[in-house]
C-alpha atoms as a PDB file:
ATOM      1  CA  GLN A   1      -6.325   2.188  18.237  1.00  0.00           C
ATOM      2  CA  VAL A   2      -5.302   3.238  14.734  1.00  0.00           C
ATOM      3  CA  GLN A   3      -7.601   3.729  11.768  1.00  0.00           C
ATOM      4  CA  LEU A   4      -6.115   3.369   8.302  1.00  0.00           C
ATOM      5  CA  VAL A   5      -7.963   4.664   5.262  1.00  0.00           C
ATOM      6  CA  GLU A   6      -6.818   3.820   1.738  1.00  0.00           C
ATOM      7  CA  SER A   7      -7.703   5.928  -1.271  1.00  0.00           C
ATOM      8  CA  GLY A   8      -6.591   6.488  -4.838  1.00  0.00           C
ATOM      9  CA  GLY A   9      -7.739   3.293  -6.474  1.00  0.00           C
ATOM     10  CA  GLY A  10      -9.610   3.279  -9.732  1.00  0.00           C
ATOM     11  CA  LEU A  11      -9.816   2.132 -13.323  1.00  0.00           C
ATOM     12  CA  VAL A  12      -6.731   2.653 -15.477  1.00  0.00           C
ATOM     13  CA  LYS A  13      -5.480   1.506 -18.849  1.00  0.00           C
ATOM     14  CA  ALA A  14      -2.431  -0.748 -19.007  1.00  0.00           C
ATOM     15  CA  GLY A  15       0.724   1.332 -18.964  1.00  0.00           C
ATOM     16  CA  GLY A  16      -0.888   3.985 -16.850  1.00  0.00           C
ATOM     17  CA  SER A  17      -0.222   5.120 -13.292  1.00  0.00           C
ATOM     18  CA  LEU A  18      -2.025   5.478  -9.994  1.00  0.00           C
ATOM     19  CA  ARG A  19      -0.995   6.689  -6.565  1.00  0.00           C
ATOM     20  CA  LEU A  20      -2.550   5.028  -3.558  1.00  0.00           C
ATOM     21  CA  SER A  21      -2.643   6.701  -0.167  1.00  0.00           C
ATOM     22  CA  CYS A  22      -2.987   5.206   3.302  1.00  0.00           C
ATOM     23  CA  ALA A  23      -3.912   7.816   5.884  1.00  0.00           C
ATOM     24  CA  ALA A  24      -3.435   6.935   9.552  1.00  0.00           C
ATOM     25  CA  SER A  25      -5.386   8.374  12.468  1.00  0.00           C
ATOM     26  CA  ARG A  26      -2.224   8.906  14.497  1.00  0.00           C
ATOM     27  CA  SER A  27       1.500   9.272  14.060  1.00  0.00           C
ATOM     28  CA  ILE A  28       3.035   6.652  11.798  1.00  0.00           C
ATOM     29  CA  LEU A  29       6.318   7.105  13.606  1.00  0.00           C
ATOM     30  CA  GLY A  30       4.795   4.681  16.091  1.00  0.00           C
ATOM     31  CA  ALA A  31       4.887   1.947  13.459  1.00  0.00           C
ATOM     32  CA  SER A  32       7.856  -0.381  13.133  1.00  0.00           C
ATOM     33  CA  ALA A  33       6.828  -0.940   9.531  1.00  0.00           C
ATOM     34  CA  MET A  34       3.995  -0.275   7.127  1.00  0.00           C
ATOM     35  CA  GLU A  35       3.029  -2.463   4.219  1.00  0.00           C
ATOM     36  CA  TRP A  36       0.929  -2.621   1.088  1.00  0.00           C
ATOM     37  CA  HIS A  37      -0.743  -5.896   0.238  1.00  0.00           C
ATOM     38  CA  ARG A  38      -3.088  -6.847  -2.571  1.00  0.00           C
ATOM     39  CA  GLN A  39      -5.641  -9.527  -3.217  1.00  0.00           C
ATOM     40  CA  ALA A  40      -6.772 -10.392  -6.702  1.00  0.00           C
ATOM     41  CA  PRO A  41     -10.102 -12.149  -7.273  1.00  0.00           C
ATOM     42  CA  GLY A  42      -9.813 -15.812  -6.372  1.00  0.00           C
ATOM     43  CA  LYS A  43      -6.257 -15.448  -5.087  1.00  0.00           C
ATOM     44  CA  GLN A  44      -4.580 -15.135  -1.728  1.00  0.00           C
ATOM     45  CA  ARG A  45      -3.531 -11.792  -0.366  1.00  0.00           C
ATOM     46  CA  GLU A  46       0.091 -11.047  -1.204  1.00  0.00           C
ATOM     47  CA  LEU A  47       2.682  -8.604   0.041  1.00  0.00           C
ATOM     48  CA  VAL A  48       3.501  -5.836  -2.405  1.00  0.00           C
ATOM     49  CA  ALA A  49       5.859  -3.490  -0.567  1.00  0.00           C
ATOM     50  CA  VAL A  50       7.181  -2.674   2.877  1.00  0.00           C
ATOM     51  CA  ILE A  51       8.641   0.471   4.372  1.00  0.00           C
ATOM     52  CA  THR A  52      10.347   0.250   7.751  1.00  0.00           C
ATOM     53  CA  TRP A  53      10.466   2.806  10.554  1.00  0.00           C
ATOM     54  CA  GLY A  54      13.890   3.774   9.239  1.00  0.00           C
ATOM     55  CA  GLY A  55      12.544   4.310   5.730  1.00  0.00           C
ATOM     56  CA  ILE A  56      13.954   1.171   4.119  1.00  0.00           C
ATOM     57  CA  ALA A  57      11.741  -0.055   1.278  1.00  0.00           C
ATOM     58  CA  THR A  58      11.447  -3.560  -0.143  1.00  0.00           C
ATOM     59  CA  TYR A  59       9.261  -4.856  -2.954  1.00  0.00           C
ATOM     60  CA  ALA A  60       7.788  -8.028  -4.327  1.00  0.00           C
ATOM     61  CA  ASP A  61       9.543  -9.124  -7.508  1.00  0.00           C
ATOM     62  CA  ALA A  62       6.340  -8.627  -9.506  1.00  0.00           C
ATOM     63  CA  VAL A  63       6.291  -4.888  -8.825  1.00  0.00           C
ATOM     64  CA  LYS A  64       9.963  -4.049  -8.456  1.00  0.00           C
ATOM     65  CA  ASP A  65      11.028  -1.132 -10.650  1.00  0.00           C
ATOM     66  CA  ARG A  66       7.387  -0.174 -11.265  1.00  0.00           C
ATOM     67  CA  PHE A  67       6.016   0.612  -7.791  1.00  0.00           C
ATOM     68  CA  THR A  68       7.430   2.973  -5.172  1.00  0.00           C
ATOM     69  CA  ILE A  69       6.437   2.984  -1.514  1.00  0.00           C
ATOM     70  CA  SER A  70       6.940   6.166   0.470  1.00  0.00           C
ATOM     71  CA  ARG A  71       5.570   8.017   3.461  1.00  0.00           C
ATOM     72  CA  ASP A  72       5.037  11.539   4.710  1.00  0.00           C
ATOM     73  CA  VAL A  73       5.293  11.481   8.484  1.00  0.00           C
ATOM     74  CA  SER A  74       4.001  15.058   8.731  1.00  0.00           C
ATOM     75  CA  LYS A  75       0.746  13.884   7.135  1.00  0.00           C
ATOM     76  CA  ASN A  76       0.674  10.441   8.781  1.00  0.00           C
ATOM     77  CA  THR A  77       0.287   9.000   5.316  1.00  0.00           C
ATOM     78  CA  MET A  78       1.929   6.232   3.333  1.00  0.00           C
ATOM     79  CA  TYR A  79       1.831   6.081  -0.452  1.00  0.00           C
ATOM     80  CA  LEU A  80       2.208   3.567  -3.229  1.00  0.00           C
ATOM     81  CA  GLU A  81       3.134   5.069  -6.569  1.00  0.00           C
ATOM     82  CA  MET A  82       2.273   2.530  -9.274  1.00  0.00           C
ATOM     83  CA  ASN A  83       3.641   3.025 -12.776  1.00  0.00           C
ATOM     84  CA  ASN A  84       3.464   0.959 -15.937  1.00  0.00           C
ATOM     85  CA  LEU A  85       0.441  -0.857 -14.584  1.00  0.00           C
ATOM     86  CA  LYS A  86      -0.449  -4.244 -16.003  1.00  0.00           C
ATOM     87  CA  PRO A  87      -3.757  -6.125 -16.030  1.00  0.00           C
ATOM     88  CA  GLU A  88      -2.258  -8.576 -13.528  1.00  0.00           C
ATOM     89  CA  ASP A  89      -1.974  -5.704 -11.043  1.00  0.00           C
ATOM     90  CA  THR A  90      -5.769  -5.705 -10.796  1.00  0.00           C
ATOM     91  CA  ALA A  91      -6.639  -6.322  -7.148  1.00  0.00           C
ATOM     92  CA  ASP A  92      -7.912  -4.839  -3.941  1.00  0.00           C
ATOM     93  CA  TYR A  93      -5.009  -3.050  -2.286  1.00  0.00           C
ATOM     94  CA  TYR A  94      -4.697  -2.912   1.492  1.00  0.00           C
ATOM     95  CA  CYS A  95      -2.316  -1.099   3.781  1.00  0.00           C
ATOM     96  CA  ASN A  96      -1.288  -2.107   7.254  1.00  0.00           C
ATOM     97  CA  ALA A  97       0.729  -0.676  10.091  1.00  0.00           C
ATOM     98  CA  ALA A  98       2.632  -2.678  12.697  1.00  0.00           C
ATOM     99  CA  MET A  99       2.389  -0.406  15.723  1.00  0.00           C
ATOM    100  CA  LYS A 100       4.989  -0.748  18.451  1.00  0.00           C
ATOM    101  CA  VAL A 101       2.989   0.387  21.465  1.00  0.00           C
ATOM    102  CA  PRO A 102       0.929  -1.569  22.022  1.00  0.00           C
ATOM    103  CA  PRO A 103       2.215  -4.170  19.550  1.00  0.00           C
ATOM    104  CA  ARG A 104      -0.554  -4.736  17.058  1.00  0.00           C
ATOM    105  CA  VAL A 105      -1.105  -4.754  13.318  1.00  0.00           C
ATOM    106  CA  TYR A 106      -3.880  -2.603  11.927  1.00  0.00           C
ATOM    107  CA  TRP A 107      -5.407  -2.909   8.463  1.00  0.00           C
ATOM    108  CA  GLY A 108      -7.284  -0.539   6.220  1.00  0.00           C
ATOM    109  CA  GLN A 109     -10.467  -1.402   4.390  1.00  0.00           C
ATOM    110  CA  GLY A 110      -8.854  -1.569   0.948  1.00  0.00           C
ATOM    111  CA  THR A 111      -9.096   0.266  -2.331  1.00  0.00           C
ATOM    112  CA  GLN A 112      -9.800  -1.351  -5.669  1.00  0.00           C
ATOM    113  CA  VAL A 113      -7.456  -1.099  -8.630  1.00  0.00           C
ATOM    114  CA  THR A 114      -8.557  -2.317 -12.046  1.00  0.00           C
ATOM    115  CA  VAL A 115      -6.172  -2.291 -14.990  1.00  0.00           C
ATOM    116  CA  PHE A 116      -7.609  -2.945 -18.445  1.00  0.00           C
ATOM    117  CA  SER A 117      -5.740  -3.692 -21.654  1.00  0.00           C
END
C-alpha cells in the first residue's frame, strides 16, 4: 500500500508560480513512473506530466516550457514546478505512482490550483 499526499496548491495571479509536492509513504524508487494529472471543473482529467523510474520527463503540450516535473528520491517526493500560470491552468491537480511490486497505480487526493487574471 502506498499513500500519496499532494500539497502546494492555492490561489495565484496569472503569470505567477506555484510548486506542487506529492509525498509518498514509501520509496518512490519502487515506481516505474509517476505522473501529475489535472481536472478542471466540468472537464475530464488530463495528463500533465510524467517522470519515469529513469528520470525521463514528458509533458502535455499545454504546459510544455512552463511546468517542470522532478523528484527527490531521498524524500520520497515528486514535484511540479508551475511557472507563468494561466487561468486555464485552474484545476484540481492529482499525482499518481505506478508501483512495480505489486503492480498497482495509486492516486493522491488532489490539491486545488486557482489562477485568476
